[in-house]
Amino acid sequence: MVDQRFERGGPGPVYEAFDYLTPLNGGSGFSWRGEERLAHVGRTRLHQFDRLMTAPEMLHTISMEADQTIIMLDQYGDVLPVDVPTSTWVMKGHPKPDTSGLYSKFTESEFMDRLVWLKGVI
């Protein structure tokens, strides 16, 4: 897994900026906000059993380098009210964010198949 960090402004490329309000709290998902420059300021490669802690105000993205990668996310208490959007950026010219299927429920059979697979991997 790789963690890449960014800062707003600077000489970086242009990104399309989106506000995000989760549908889980009645939000409408992504709303286009405009264009912003983001400067790449760091990269950390993480290996099996490594930990990554990020501050709430930090701009970063994680990417998986292998298919079927398993990560465990611990999310702490919200620092923003539920009606204040978070931000997402997509490099200009790339597809906009898409969360279709993200909140779909597994059928009982799919869930059991996934648990069996997970047990075999861990």
Protein backbone atom coordinates (compact mmCIF):
# COMPACT_ATOMS: atom_id res chain seq x y z
CA MET A 1 0.00 0.00 0.00
CA VAL A 2 1.20 3.51 -0.74
CA ASP A 3 0.13 6.70 1.05
CA GLN A 4 0.57 9.91 -0.95
CA ARG A 5 0.28 13.34 0.70
CA PHE A 6 -0.70 16.67 -0.81
CA GLU A 7 -1.04 20.36 0.05
CA ARG A 8 -3.39 22.87 -1.52
CA GLY A 9 -1.87 25.40 -3.89
CA GLY A 10 1.66 25.53 -5.13
CA PRO A 11 3.03 24.45 -8.49
CA GLY A 12 1.14 21.17 -8.71
CA PRO A 13 -1.29 20.01 -11.36
CA VAL A 14 -4.93 21.09 -11.57
CA TYR A 15 -7.48 18.87 -9.87
CA GLU A 16 -11.25 18.97 -9.93
CA ALA A 17 -12.49 19.52 -6.37
CA PHE A 18 -15.66 17.93 -5.01
CA ASP A 19 -17.51 18.36 -1.74
CA TYR A 20 -18.86 15.13 -0.27
CA LEU A 21 -21.81 14.57 2.05
CA THR A 22 -22.36 10.88 2.75
CA PRO A 23 -25.74 9.39 1.83
CA LEU A 24 -25.53 7.47 5.11
CA ASN A 25 -26.41 10.77 6.86
CA GLY A 26 -28.88 12.01 4.24
CA GLY A 27 -26.28 13.72 2.02
CA SER A 28 -26.37 13.77 -1.75
CA GLY A 29 -22.86 12.41 -2.38
CA PHE A 30 -20.40 14.39 -4.51
CA SER A 31 -20.92 18.01 -5.65
CA TRP A 32 -18.43 19.67 -7.98
CA ARG A 33 -16.78 22.66 -6.26
CA GLY A 34 -14.30 23.90 -8.87
CA GLU A 35 -10.65 23.50 -9.81
CA GLU A 36 -7.69 23.64 -7.42
CA ARG A 37 -3.97 22.97 -7.60
CA LEU A 38 -2.53 20.32 -5.31
CA ALA A 39 1.19 19.90 -4.68
CA HIS A 40 2.52 16.39 -3.98
CA VAL A 41 4.56 16.62 -0.77
CA GLY A 42 5.33 13.05 0.24
CA ARG A 43 4.95 9.34 -0.29
CA THR A 44 5.16 6.45 2.16
CA ARG A 45 5.19 2.78 1.23
CA LEU A 46 3.58 0.55 3.83
CA HIS A 47 4.22 -3.15 4.21
CA GLN A 48 2.31 -5.96 5.85
CA PHE A 49 1.31 -5.06 9.44
CA ASP A 50 2.48 -1.42 9.10
CA ARG A 51 0.26 1.27 10.59
CA LEU A 52 -0.71 4.63 9.17
CA MET A 53 -2.09 7.49 11.24
CA THR A 54 -3.26 10.69 9.58
CA ALA A 55 -4.49 13.94 11.07
CA PRO A 56 -8.03 14.95 10.07
CA GLU A 57 -6.82 18.02 8.17
CA MET A 58 -4.24 16.08 6.14
CA LEU A 59 -4.82 15.61 2.40
CA HIS A 60 -3.78 12.13 1.37
CA THR A 61 -4.75 9.12 -0.68
CA ILE A 62 -3.94 5.45 -0.30
CA SER A 63 -3.53 3.02 -3.16
CA MET A 64 -3.28 -0.73 -3.21
CA GLU A 65 -0.52 -2.36 -5.20
CA ALA A 66 -2.04 -5.83 -5.36
CA ASP A 67 -5.49 -7.24 -5.99
CA GLN A 68 -7.41 -8.65 -3.01
CA THR A 69 -5.52 -6.48 -0.50
CA ILE A 70 -7.09 -6.32 2.95
CA ILE A 71 -6.78 -3.22 5.11
CA MET A 72 -8.27 -2.42 8.48
CA LEU A 73 -9.48 1.13 9.00
CA ASP A 74 -10.07 2.58 12.44
CA GLN A 75 -12.12 5.73 12.21
CA TYR A 76 -12.26 7.96 15.24
CA GLY A 77 -14.93 10.49 16.19
CA ASP A 78 -15.94 13.08 13.63
CA VAL A 79 -14.21 16.45 13.85
CA LEU A 80 -16.71 18.09 11.48
CA PRO A 81 -20.47 18.26 11.94
CA VAL A 82 -22.36 15.82 9.68
CA ASP A 83 -23.73 18.71 7.59
CA VAL A 84 -20.24 20.03 6.71
CA PRO A 85 -18.81 18.37 3.59
CA THR A 86 -15.45 16.68 3.31
CA SER A 87 -13.34 17.11 0.16
CA THR A 88 -12.27 14.87 -2.68
CA TRP A 89 -10.03 15.73 -5.63
CA VAL A 90 -9.66 14.08 -9.02
CA MET A 91 -6.89 14.99 -11.46
CA LYS A 92 -8.37 17.10 -14.25
CA GLY A 93 -9.42 14.91 -17.15
CA HIS A 94 -9.86 11.78 -15.03
CA PRO A 95 -13.28 10.26 -14.24
CA LYS A 96 -15.22 11.93 -11.43
CA PRO A 97 -15.64 10.06 -8.13
CA ASP A 98 -18.10 7.17 -8.25
CA THR A 99 -19.44 5.43 -5.18
CA SER A 100 -22.04 3.33 -6.97
CA GLY A 101 -22.28 0.03 -5.18
CA LEU A 102 -20.34 1.28 -2.16
CA TYR A 103 -23.39 1.13 0.09
CA SER A 104 -24.96 -1.96 -1.46
CA LYS A 105 -25.74 -4.73 0.97
CA PHE A 106 -24.38 -8.23 0.53
CA THR A 107 -26.86 -11.06 0.22
CA GLU A 108 -26.47 -13.65 2.99
CA SER A 109 -24.78 -16.01 0.52
CA GLU A 110 -22.34 -13.32 -0.67
CA PHE A 111 -21.52 -12.45 2.93
CA MET A 112 -20.82 -16.08 3.84
CA ASP A 113 -18.65 -16.52 0.72
CA ARG A 114 -16.68 -13.40 1.64
CA LEU A 115 -16.15 -14.63 5.23
CA VAL A 116 -14.88 -18.00 3.98
CA TRP A 117 -12.50 -16.22 1.59
CA LEU A 118 -11.29 -13.87 4.34
CA LYS A 119 -10.68 -16.75 6.75
CA GLY A 120 -8.54 -18.46 4.10
CA VAL A 121 -6.46 -15.32 3.54
CA ILE A 122 -5.75 -14.32 7.14
